[in-house]
Amino acid sequence: PVREAGGRIVALIALGSAAEKGFSDLFKAARSGRTGEPFAFDADGWLLSESRHAEELRSRGLAPRLTQTGAEAFTRLALAATGARAGGASTGVLPEPYPNHLGRDSIGAWRWLRDHDIGIGVEMEAAEAYAPLTHLRTGFFVLALLIAAVWLSGFLPPKVLAELLRRSGRERQLGPYRLARRIGEGAISNVYLARHRMLKRPAAVKVLKPQASSDEWIARFQREVQLASALGHPNTIRIYDYGIGPDNEFWYAMEYLEGLSLGDLVERYGPVPPSRTAWILRQACASLWEAHSGGIVHRDIKPQNIMLCEIHGERDVVKVLDFGLVKQISGEHTRDLTGTMRILGTPLYMSPERIRHPGDADARSDIYALGAVGFWLLTGKRVFETETEHDLIYQVLHTVPPLASEVSHFTVPVELDALIGRCLEKDPDRRPQSMAEVASALDAVLVYQPWTRAQIDAWWEKHWVPEGHPERRLTSANP
């Protein structure tokens, strides 16, 4: 303590460290050889300790999760360990090589800690484990990890384990929905695959993170979810229900979609041909047309918020999602709620007037954003490529964007090129004034350059394949 002249304590100096780091350090200390990897994981296969392959996982775009590469199915170790939750054996050894979450043949051992509902595992690549004269060392390594798992179960405070499990998204229930696993994460929310307890219908449940669960945020999202749930266009994601959980977290349930975002589409397969770009934009336009007709502006149109799906056998179906920033044009109280944060949305796809006056957006701001999405689809590039957000905002406000035809390797039809250029005008009065006007221009493009059913089926047959799992996932092969 720091005391004043009279002896009264006026300050304290305290030192502390995050428990998570110490948790991961336990596993780092137990690493063996070149590929030996001890780790902790939850019931959904998410790693709770830092991986020695963390950098490789990031560079390959893989999640820190014990699933087979390119699929959602568990690795053999995760499948065996999580089976212990149903009353199976609490320990196991896998001496036969199997592909780990990096796709490398490995051997492993595991122990499930039922008191904490987490698993402890160890893996080593088979080539190293079965190299001459290493069999004995590997056996001792596996045994040591199993012993360490028993010791570890009594080491961590229950609150630390609870926090680790909460962050990983272990199964729990919100309203009538049983959450299975986390399938997405944003700055202020997590998204979970869930199932309705009675209807057995799959759903995606978005849950606000604790830092966004203040009364003001909850009031804002509750009103905006109510507005968005009134939308019924087939190209708009359906919202089923919403509520407040036992920990005061706001959640809402929406339809679960199988497909990929336009961001993933371009990043995986490259720029999109003009005819398909027009096809995609036309469907997104229809969704926003309904919203605007009801006095609702989306305000966060971007590639990540538009999905391309297969729904009940219908392919290349567009769904506009995440109406989390919607604004009712005529509602002053809505403006007050959104005024708690100055700029909401993604600057890369934000119109100049949204940056200057965040609360004054109208339908033409969504038209600007849709034009920026079209530019991304045709070129694989953002309208403005900058290194800092300050430079980005300056260019959005002052720099004339290039035409898509100047950047794209496709021959872009003049009409489509001109439409996207008009959507990206700085002055809202120089843009198309409604989604009906945008839709009409896109229809004209599709008349003489259609995206045909044969092209749709050919693309999906090539890239949408079963993986031996109830869910289907897109392959990462080139088109």
Protein backbone atom coordinates (compact mmCIF):
# COMPACT_ATOMS: atom_id res chain seq x y z
CA PRO A 1 0.00 0.00 0.00
CA VAL A 2 0.95 3.66 -0.50
CA ARG A 3 0.38 5.76 2.63
CA GLU A 4 0.23 9.49 3.25
CA ALA A 5 2.17 11.21 6.03
CA GLY A 6 -0.50 10.39 8.62
CA GLY A 7 -0.40 6.69 7.76
CA ARG A 8 -3.71 6.56 5.88
CA ILE A 9 -3.65 4.29 2.82
CA VAL A 10 -4.20 6.36 -0.33
CA ALA A 11 -3.37 3.82 -3.03
CA LEU A 12 -2.71 0.15 -3.66
CA ILE A 13 -0.56 -1.53 -6.27
CA ALA A 14 -1.81 -4.93 -7.38
CA LEU A 15 -0.50 -7.33 -9.99
CA GLY A 16 -2.48 -10.03 -11.73
CA SER A 17 -2.50 -12.18 -14.82
CA ALA A 18 -5.24 -13.69 -16.94
CA ALA A 19 -6.04 -17.27 -16.00
CA GLU A 20 -6.42 -18.22 -19.65
CA LYS A 21 -2.72 -17.64 -20.30
CA GLY A 22 -1.73 -19.85 -17.40
CA PHE A 23 -4.16 -22.46 -18.66
CA SER A 24 -2.52 -22.51 -22.11
CA ASP A 25 0.97 -22.46 -20.58
CA LEU A 26 0.24 -25.79 -18.88
CA PHE A 27 -0.19 -27.38 -22.29
CA LYS A 28 2.79 -25.61 -23.84
CA ALA A 29 5.00 -27.10 -21.15
CA ALA A 30 3.81 -30.61 -22.05
CA ARG A 31 4.60 -30.37 -25.78
CA SER A 32 6.89 -33.09 -27.04
CA GLY A 33 8.98 -33.47 -30.16
CA ARG A 34 8.31 -31.61 -33.38
CA THR A 35 4.56 -32.28 -33.65
CA GLY A 36 3.39 -33.38 -30.19
CA GLU A 37 0.36 -31.29 -29.23
CA PRO A 38 -1.54 -31.48 -25.94
CA PHE A 39 -4.75 -29.46 -25.83
CA ALA A 40 -8.09 -28.88 -24.11
CA PHE A 41 -11.37 -28.79 -26.02
CA ASP A 42 -15.09 -28.46 -25.39
CA ALA A 43 -18.08 -30.57 -26.41
CA ASP A 44 -18.30 -28.78 -29.77
CA GLY A 45 -14.66 -29.49 -30.58
CA TRP A 46 -13.44 -25.91 -30.05
CA LEU A 47 -9.90 -25.67 -28.67
CA LEU A 48 -9.75 -24.05 -25.23
CA SER A 49 -5.94 -23.87 -25.11
CA GLU A 50 -3.62 -22.12 -27.53
CA SER A 51 -2.46 -24.39 -30.35
CA ARG A 52 1.16 -24.67 -31.42
CA HIS A 53 -0.27 -24.52 -34.95
CA ALA A 54 -2.23 -21.28 -34.34
CA GLU A 55 -0.37 -19.34 -37.02
CA GLU A 56 -0.89 -22.09 -39.60
CA LEU A 57 -4.58 -22.29 -38.75
CA ARG A 58 -4.96 -18.56 -39.33
CA SER A 59 -3.00 -18.57 -42.58
CA ARG A 60 -5.11 -21.45 -43.95
CA GLY A 61 -8.36 -19.86 -42.81
CA LEU A 62 -9.17 -22.79 -40.50
CA ALA A 63 -11.05 -22.49 -37.23
CA PRO A 64 -9.32 -23.68 -34.01
CA ARG A 65 -11.63 -26.68 -33.87
CA LEU A 66 -11.24 -30.46 -33.98
CA THR A 67 -13.05 -30.98 -37.28
CA GLN A 68 -11.89 -32.55 -40.51
CA THR A 69 -10.44 -29.99 -42.90
CA GLY A 70 -13.05 -28.73 -45.35
CA ALA A 71 -15.91 -30.31 -43.37
CA GLU A 72 -17.88 -30.00 -40.14
CA ALA A 73 -17.45 -33.63 -39.05
CA PHE A 74 -15.36 -34.19 -35.90
CA THR A 75 -11.92 -35.76 -36.06
CA ARG A 76 -11.73 -39.30 -34.69
CA LEU A 77 -10.30 -38.06 -31.40
CA ALA A 78 -13.02 -35.45 -30.87
CA LEU A 79 -15.73 -37.93 -31.88
CA ALA A 80 -14.46 -40.55 -29.45
CA ALA A 81 -13.97 -38.09 -26.59
CA THR A 82 -17.34 -36.38 -26.87
CA GLY A 83 -18.95 -39.81 -26.90
CA ALA A 84 -17.98 -40.01 -23.23
CA ARG A 85 -20.67 -37.43 -22.50
CA ALA A 86 -23.26 -40.10 -23.37
CA GLY A 87 -21.84 -42.47 -20.78
CA GLY A 88 -19.01 -44.08 -22.72
CA ALA A 89 -15.45 -44.66 -21.55
CA SER A 90 -13.78 -41.55 -20.11
CA THR A 91 -10.34 -42.27 -21.64
CA GLY A 92 -9.07 -43.66 -24.89
CA VAL A 93 -6.01 -44.18 -27.09
CA LEU A 94 -6.04 -44.05 -30.92
CA PRO A 95 -2.89 -45.83 -32.13
CA GLU A 96 -4.10 -46.16 -35.74
CA PRO A 97 -3.27 -43.03 -37.79
CA TYR A 98 -6.19 -40.74 -38.64
CA PRO A 99 -6.42 -37.21 -40.17
CA ASN A 100 -6.26 -34.51 -37.49
CA HIS A 101 -7.83 -31.04 -37.77
CA LEU A 102 -4.92 -29.97 -39.99
CA GLY A 103 -5.47 -32.95 -42.29
CA ARG A 104 -2.28 -34.74 -41.19
CA ASP A 105 -2.16 -38.42 -40.23
CA SER A 106 -1.76 -38.56 -36.46
CA ILE A 107 -2.18 -40.77 -33.43
CA GLY A 108 -3.71 -39.57 -30.20
CA ALA A 109 -5.07 -40.12 -26.73
CA TRP A 110 -7.80 -38.37 -24.77
CA ARG A 111 -9.55 -38.10 -21.44
CA TRP A 112 -12.99 -36.57 -20.83
CA LEU A 113 -13.36 -34.60 -17.58
CA ARG A 114 -17.04 -35.08 -16.80
CA ASP A 115 -17.02 -32.74 -13.81
CA HIS A 116 -16.04 -29.85 -16.08
CA ASP A 117 -17.49 -31.16 -19.37
CA ILE A 118 -14.25 -30.63 -21.29
CA GLY A 119 -11.74 -32.96 -22.90
CA ILE A 120 -7.96 -33.20 -22.65
CA GLY A 121 -6.21 -34.65 -25.68
CA VAL A 122 -2.78 -35.18 -27.14
CA GLU A 123 -1.83 -35.82 -30.75
CA MET A 124 1.40 -36.45 -32.62
CA GLU A 125 1.89 -36.92 -36.33
CA ALA A 126 2.19 -40.62 -37.10
CA ALA A 127 5.45 -40.21 -39.04
CA GLU A 128 7.17 -38.83 -35.96
CA ALA A 129 5.43 -41.07 -33.45
CA TYR A 130 6.31 -44.29 -35.28
CA ALA A 131 9.84 -43.35 -36.27
CA PRO A 132 12.44 -45.96 -35.19
CA LEU A 133 13.20 -46.09 -31.45
CA THR A 134 10.41 -43.66 -30.50
CA HIS A 135 7.64 -46.12 -29.63
CA LEU A 136 8.54 -46.17 -25.95
CA ARG A 137 8.85 -42.39 -25.76
CA THR A 138 5.45 -41.99 -27.39
CA GLY A 139 3.85 -44.39 -24.93
CA PHE A 140 5.25 -42.52 -21.96
CA PHE A 141 4.16 -39.23 -23.55
CA VAL A 142 0.55 -40.44 -23.86
CA LEU A 143 0.54 -41.82 -20.33
CA ALA A 144 1.97 -38.58 -18.93
CA LEU A 145 -0.77 -36.56 -20.59
CA LEU A 146 -3.51 -38.78 -19.20
CA ILE A 147 -2.04 -38.40 -15.71
CA ALA A 148 -1.75 -34.66 -16.25
CA ALA A 149 -5.40 -34.55 -17.23
CA VAL A 150 -6.40 -36.00 -13.87
CA TRP A 151 -4.24 -33.43 -12.09
CA LEU A 152 -5.54 -30.58 -14.23
CA SER A 153 -9.15 -31.36 -13.39
CA GLY A 154 -8.51 -30.22 -9.82
CA PHE A 155 -6.26 -27.30 -10.72
CA LEU A 156 -8.44 -24.72 -12.44
CA PRO A 157 -10.98 -22.68 -10.48
CA PRO A 158 -14.56 -23.49 -11.53
CA LYS A 159 -15.14 -19.88 -12.61
CA VAL A 160 -12.23 -20.04 -15.06
CA LEU A 161 -13.52 -23.26 -16.60
CA ALA A 162 -17.02 -21.82 -16.77
CA GLU A 163 -15.73 -18.75 -18.62
CA LEU A 164 -13.74 -20.87 -21.07
CA LEU A 165 -16.79 -22.96 -21.80
CA ARG A 166 -19.01 -19.88 -22.14
CA ARG A 167 -16.62 -18.38 -24.67
CA SER A 168 -16.50 -21.57 -26.69
CA GLY A 169 -20.29 -21.70 -26.95
CA ARG A 170 -21.08 -24.98 -25.23
CA GLU A 171 -24.63 -26.25 -25.52
CA ARG A 172 -27.29 -24.34 -23.62
CA GLN A 173 -30.89 -23.26 -24.09
CA LEU A 174 -32.43 -19.87 -24.88
CA GLY A 175 -36.21 -19.80 -24.95
CA PRO A 176 -37.40 -22.83 -26.93
CA TYR A 177 -34.06 -23.18 -28.74
CA ARG A 178 -31.31 -25.60 -27.75
CA LEU A 179 -27.96 -24.19 -28.88
CA ALA A 180 -25.64 -26.79 -30.41
CA ARG A 181 -22.48 -25.04 -31.61
CA ARG A 182 -21.18 -21.65 -32.59
CA ILE A 183 -21.17 -21.06 -36.35
CA GLY A 184 -20.21 -17.38 -36.49
CA GLU A 185 -18.87 -14.48 -34.49
CA GLY A 186 -19.04 -10.72 -34.91
CA ALA A 187 -17.88 -7.71 -32.95
CA ILE A 188 -20.96 -7.61 -30.72
CA SER A 189 -22.62 -11.01 -31.15
CA ASN A 190 -22.19 -14.74 -31.63
CA VAL A 191 -24.32 -16.93 -33.89
CA TYR A 192 -25.17 -20.52 -32.95
CA LEU A 193 -26.72 -23.43 -34.78
CA ALA A 194 -29.77 -24.35 -32.72
CA ARG A 195 -32.85 -26.53 -32.82
CA HIS A 196 -36.36 -25.76 -31.64
CA ARG A 197 -37.11 -28.01 -28.70
CA MET A 198 -40.62 -28.99 -29.84
CA LEU A 199 -40.64 -28.41 -33.61
CA LYS A 200 -37.14 -29.90 -34.08
CA ARG A 201 -36.58 -27.20 -36.69
CA PRO A 202 -33.00 -25.96 -37.16
CA ALA A 203 -32.39 -22.26 -36.64
CA ALA A 204 -29.56 -19.79 -36.34
CA VAL A 205 -29.64 -17.94 -33.02
CA LYS A 206 -27.77 -14.65 -32.67
CA VAL A 207 -26.78 -13.74 -29.11
CA LEU A 208 -25.47 -10.32 -28.12
CA LYS A 209 -22.17 -10.39 -26.27
CA PRO A 210 -22.16 -9.11 -22.66
CA GLN A 211 -20.56 -5.78 -23.65
CA ALA A 212 -23.53 -5.11 -25.95
CA SER A 213 -26.24 -6.26 -23.53
CA SER A 214 -26.97 -2.96 -21.81
CA ASP A 215 -30.60 -1.86 -21.49
CA GLU A 216 -30.04 0.70 -24.24
CA TRP A 217 -28.62 -1.85 -26.69
CA ILE A 218 -31.35 -4.36 -25.88
CA ALA A 219 -34.07 -1.75 -26.44
CA ARG A 220 -32.51 -0.80 -29.75
CA PHE A 221 -32.18 -4.35 -31.04
CA GLN A 222 -35.59 -5.37 -29.76
CA ARG A 223 -37.28 -2.62 -31.76
CA GLU A 224 -35.21 -3.30 -34.85
CA VAL A 225 -35.86 -7.06 -34.73
CA GLN A 226 -39.56 -6.29 -34.47
CA LEU A 227 -39.29 -4.15 -37.60
CA ALA A 228 -37.25 -6.74 -39.52
CA SER A 229 -39.55 -9.62 -38.52
CA ALA A 230 -42.38 -7.92 -40.40
CA LEU A 231 -40.55 -8.50 -43.70
CA GLY A 232 -41.69 -11.52 -45.68
CA HIS A 233 -39.93 -11.47 -49.05
CA PRO A 234 -38.41 -14.84 -50.07
CA ASN A 235 -35.01 -13.17 -50.51
CA THR A 236 -35.04 -11.86 -46.92
CA ILE A 237 -33.98 -14.06 -44.03
CA ARG A 238 -36.92 -15.01 -41.83
CA ILE A 239 -36.86 -14.11 -38.15
CA TYR A 240 -38.69 -16.61 -35.93
CA ASP A 241 -38.46 -15.35 -32.37
CA TYR A 242 -36.50 -13.24 -29.91
CA GLY A 243 -36.06 -12.86 -26.18
CA ILE A 244 -33.75 -12.14 -23.26
CA GLY A 245 -31.79 -15.02 -21.74
CA PRO A 246 -31.14 -15.86 -18.08
CA ASP A 247 -27.89 -13.86 -18.13
CA ASN A 248 -29.70 -10.80 -19.56
CA GLU A 249 -28.34 -11.48 -23.05
CA PHE A 250 -30.56 -10.48 -25.96
CA TRP A 251 -31.08 -13.17 -28.61
CA TYR A 252 -33.13 -13.74 -31.71
CA ALA A 253 -33.72 -16.82 -33.84
CA MET A 254 -33.75 -16.82 -37.64
CA GLU A 255 -33.84 -19.41 -40.38
CA TYR A 256 -30.70 -21.51 -40.75
CA LEU A 257 -29.21 -21.21 -44.24
CA GLU A 258 -26.87 -23.59 -46.01
CA GLY A 259 -24.64 -21.73 -48.41
CA LEU A 260 -21.96 -19.05 -48.40
CA SER A 261 -21.77 -15.29 -48.22
CA LEU A 262 -20.86 -13.18 -51.23
CA GLY A 263 -17.64 -12.37 -49.39
CA ASP A 264 -16.74 -16.06 -49.23
CA LEU A 265 -17.93 -16.62 -52.80
CA VAL A 266 -15.40 -14.16 -54.24
CA GLU A 267 -12.59 -15.02 -51.83
CA ARG A 268 -12.87 -18.74 -52.64
CA TYR A 269 -13.73 -18.70 -56.33
CA GLY A 270 -12.72 -15.28 -57.62
CA PRO A 271 -14.77 -12.56 -59.35
CA VAL A 272 -18.26 -13.41 -60.57
CA PRO A 273 -19.33 -13.23 -64.26
CA PRO A 274 -21.53 -10.24 -65.17
CA SER A 275 -24.64 -12.35 -65.82
CA ARG A 276 -24.44 -14.00 -62.40
CA THR A 277 -23.64 -10.65 -60.77
CA ALA A 278 -26.83 -9.20 -62.26
CA TRP A 279 -28.77 -12.30 -61.12
CA ILE A 280 -27.51 -11.93 -57.54
CA LEU A 281 -28.04 -8.17 -57.37
CA ARG A 282 -31.56 -8.51 -58.77
CA GLN A 283 -32.59 -10.82 -55.93
CA ALA A 284 -30.97 -8.62 -53.27
CA CYS A 285 -32.72 -5.68 -54.87
CA ALA A 286 -36.10 -7.42 -54.47
CA SER A 287 -35.50 -7.96 -50.75
CA LEU A 288 -34.52 -4.34 -50.18
CA TRP A 289 -37.39 -3.09 -52.35
CA GLU A 290 -39.86 -4.65 -49.91
CA ALA A 291 -38.00 -3.20 -46.91
CA HIS A 292 -37.88 0.29 -48.40
CA SER A 293 -41.57 0.10 -49.31
CA GLY A 294 -42.25 -0.50 -45.62
CA GLY A 295 -40.12 2.48 -44.61
CA ILE A 296 -37.14 0.38 -43.46
CA VAL A 297 -33.50 1.01 -44.46
CA HIS A 298 -31.01 -1.83 -43.93
CA ARG A 299 -27.89 0.39 -43.46
CA ASP A 300 -25.34 -2.45 -43.43
CA ILE A 301 -25.46 -4.01 -46.90
CA LYS A 302 -22.12 -5.73 -47.57
CA PRO A 303 -20.94 -9.05 -49.07
CA GLN A 304 -20.95 -10.77 -45.68
CA ASN A 305 -24.63 -9.90 -45.19
CA ILE A 306 -25.84 -11.42 -48.46
CA MET A 307 -25.84 -15.20 -48.77
CA LEU A 308 -26.08 -17.47 -51.79
CA CYS A 309 -27.96 -20.62 -50.83
CA GLU A 310 -29.55 -23.86 -51.88
CA ILE A 311 -33.02 -23.98 -50.35
CA HIS A 312 -35.29 -27.02 -50.78
CA GLY A 313 -33.56 -27.92 -54.04
CA GLU A 314 -33.65 -24.37 -55.42
CA ARG A 315 -30.11 -23.16 -56.15
CA ASP A 316 -28.49 -19.74 -56.33
CA VAL A 317 -31.11 -18.26 -54.02
CA VAL A 318 -30.06 -14.95 -52.47
CA LYS A 319 -30.88 -14.14 -48.86
CA VAL A 320 -30.32 -10.69 -47.36
CA LEU A 321 -29.59 -11.03 -43.67
CA ASP A 322 -28.49 -9.20 -40.54
CA PHE A 323 -31.02 -6.41 -40.37
CA GLY A 324 -29.37 -5.51 -37.04
CA LEU A 325 -28.87 -1.89 -38.13
CA VAL A 326 -32.26 -1.29 -39.74
CA LYS A 327 -33.84 2.12 -39.35
CA GLN A 328 -37.45 3.09 -39.73
CA ILE A 329 -37.34 6.18 -41.93
CA SER A 330 -40.31 7.89 -40.28
CA GLY A 331 -39.45 7.01 -36.67
CA GLU A 332 -37.68 9.69 -34.63
CA HIS A 333 -37.43 7.32 -31.65
CA THR A 334 -35.54 4.88 -33.85
CA ARG A 335 -33.08 7.61 -34.71
CA ASP A 336 -32.52 8.29 -31.01
CA LEU A 337 -31.73 4.65 -30.32
CA THR A 338 -29.18 4.39 -33.11
CA GLY A 339 -27.61 7.67 -32.11
CA THR A 340 -25.76 6.02 -29.23
CA MET A 341 -23.02 5.07 -31.70
CA ARG A 342 -21.89 7.59 -34.25
CA ILE A 343 -21.09 5.43 -37.27
CA LEU A 344 -22.76 2.03 -37.47
CA GLY A 345 -21.97 -0.25 -40.37
CA THR A 346 -19.02 -1.09 -42.60
CA PRO A 347 -17.10 1.94 -44.02
CA LEU A 348 -16.06 -0.09 -47.09
CA TYR A 349 -19.71 -0.17 -48.21
CA MET A 350 -20.94 3.01 -46.54
CA SER A 351 -22.26 5.96 -48.53
CA PRO A 352 -20.76 9.43 -48.06
CA GLU A 353 -23.91 10.75 -46.38
CA ARG A 354 -23.87 7.85 -43.90
CA ILE A 355 -20.40 8.94 -42.84
CA ARG A 356 -21.29 12.63 -42.62
CA HIS A 357 -24.69 12.18 -40.94
CA PRO A 358 -25.04 8.61 -39.58
CA GLY A 359 -28.64 9.06 -38.46
CA ASP A 360 -29.98 10.49 -41.70
CA ALA A 361 -29.71 7.52 -44.08
CA ASP A 362 -32.49 6.82 -46.55
CA ALA A 363 -33.03 4.13 -49.21
CA ARG A 364 -30.37 5.66 -51.45
CA SER A 365 -27.69 4.69 -48.90
CA ASP A 366 -28.63 1.04 -49.43
CA ILE A 367 -28.46 1.65 -53.20
CA TYR A 368 -24.88 2.93 -52.81
CA ALA A 369 -23.93 -0.14 -50.74
CA LEU A 370 -25.52 -2.51 -53.28
CA GLY A 371 -23.45 -0.83 -56.01
CA ALA A 372 -20.30 -1.42 -53.94
CA VAL A 373 -21.28 -5.09 -53.57
CA GLY A 374 -21.71 -5.32 -57.35
CA PHE A 375 -18.25 -3.81 -57.83
CA TRP A 376 -16.83 -6.45 -55.44
CA LEU A 377 -18.53 -9.30 -57.31
CA LEU A 378 -17.28 -8.20 -60.74
CA THR A 379 -13.73 -7.27 -59.73
CA GLY A 380 -12.84 -9.12 -56.54
CA LYS A 381 -11.74 -5.75 -55.13
CA ARG A 382 -13.25 -3.10 -52.89
CA VAL A 383 -14.21 0.19 -54.47
CA PHE A 384 -11.40 1.87 -52.51
CA GLU A 385 -8.33 -0.10 -51.43
CA THR A 386 -6.61 1.78 -48.57
CA GLU A 387 -4.33 0.96 -45.66
CA THR A 388 -6.08 3.00 -42.97
CA GLU A 389 -9.70 3.74 -42.12
CA HIS A 390 -8.90 7.47 -42.22
CA ASP A 391 -7.77 7.18 -45.85
CA LEU A 392 -10.80 5.04 -46.64
CA ILE A 393 -13.23 7.60 -45.26
CA TYR A 394 -11.47 10.39 -47.17
CA GLN A 395 -11.76 8.47 -50.44
CA VAL A 396 -15.41 7.59 -49.85
CA LEU A 397 -16.12 11.29 -49.31
CA HIS A 398 -13.95 12.81 -52.04
CA THR A 399 -12.50 10.33 -54.59
CA VAL A 400 -14.37 9.36 -57.76
CA PRO A 401 -14.44 5.54 -57.88
CA PRO A 402 -13.24 3.66 -60.97
CA LEU A 403 -15.71 1.92 -63.24
CA ALA A 404 -15.97 -1.82 -62.65
CA SER A 405 -15.00 -2.39 -66.30
CA GLU A 406 -11.66 -0.67 -65.65
CA VAL A 407 -10.76 -3.21 -62.95
CA SER A 408 -12.60 -6.44 -63.85
CA HIS A 409 -11.07 -9.07 -66.13
CA PHE A 410 -14.58 -9.73 -67.48
CA THR A 411 -16.13 -7.81 -70.35
CA VAL A 412 -18.72 -5.92 -68.33
CA PRO A 413 -21.89 -4.92 -70.24
CA VAL A 414 -22.12 -1.17 -70.67
CA GLU A 415 -25.53 -1.06 -68.99
CA LEU A 416 -24.35 -2.95 -65.90
CA ASP A 417 -21.15 -0.90 -65.71
CA ALA A 418 -23.12 2.35 -65.90
CA LEU A 419 -25.66 1.17 -63.29
CA ILE A 420 -22.97 0.36 -60.73
CA GLY A 421 -21.26 3.67 -61.46
CA ARG A 422 -24.53 5.54 -60.85
CA CYS A 423 -25.15 3.66 -57.60
CA LEU A 424 -21.72 4.82 -56.39
CA GLU A 425 -22.32 8.52 -57.03
CA LYS A 426 -21.34 10.77 -54.10
CA ASP A 427 -24.52 12.82 -54.43
CA PRO A 428 -27.61 10.75 -53.51
CA ASP A 429 -29.67 12.76 -56.01
CA ARG A 430 -27.49 11.43 -58.87
CA ARG A 431 -28.06 7.79 -57.94
CA PRO A 432 -31.06 5.66 -58.89
CA GLN A 433 -33.79 6.94 -56.59
CA SER A 434 -35.39 3.60 -55.74
CA MET A 435 -34.75 -0.13 -55.79
CA ALA A 436 -37.48 -0.35 -58.43
CA GLU A 437 -35.26 1.70 -60.74
CA VAL A 438 -32.25 -0.52 -59.98
CA ALA A 439 -34.33 -3.66 -60.55
CA SER A 440 -35.53 -2.41 -63.93
CA ALA A 441 -31.94 -1.79 -65.09
CA LEU A 442 -30.85 -5.26 -63.92
CA ASP A 443 -33.79 -6.89 -65.70
CA ALA A 444 -32.63 -5.24 -68.93
CA VAL A 445 -29.13 -6.72 -68.49
CA LEU A 446 -30.53 -10.20 -67.79
CA VAL A 447 -32.68 -10.16 -70.93
CA TYR A 448 -29.71 -10.38 -73.29
CA GLN A 449 -27.16 -11.86 -70.87
CA PRO A 450 -29.07 -14.32 -68.65
CA TRP A 451 -27.68 -16.53 -65.92
CA THR A 452 -29.31 -19.78 -66.98
CA ARG A 453 -30.58 -22.77 -65.04
CA ALA A 454 -27.96 -24.93 -66.76
CA GLN A 455 -25.19 -22.60 -65.54
CA ILE A 456 -26.62 -22.58 -62.04
CA ASP A 457 -26.82 -26.38 -61.86
CA ALA A 458 -23.33 -26.81 -63.33
CA TRP A 459 -21.80 -24.53 -60.70
CA TRP A 460 -23.58 -26.14 -57.75
CA GLU A 461 -22.97 -29.69 -58.96
CA LYS A 462 -19.27 -28.91 -59.08
CA HIS A 463 -18.94 -27.16 -55.73
CA TRP A 464 -21.76 -28.43 -53.50
CA VAL A 465 -20.99 -32.00 -52.46
CA PRO A 466 -21.94 -34.26 -49.54
CA GLU A 467 -19.24 -34.80 -46.96
CA GLY A 468 -20.77 -37.76 -45.14
CA HIS A 469 -22.38 -35.36 -42.68
CA PRO A 470 -26.01 -34.18 -42.24
CA GLU A 471 -24.95 -30.69 -43.28
CA ARG A 472 -23.52 -29.95 -46.71
CA ARG A 473 -20.58 -27.63 -47.20
CA LEU A 474 -19.01 -26.00 -50.23
CA THR A 475 -15.65 -27.33 -51.36
CA SER A 476 -12.66 -25.02 -51.60
CA ALA A 477 -11.66 -26.13 -55.09
CA ASN A 478 -11.26 -23.57 -57.84
CA PRO A 479 -14.25 -23.09 -60.19
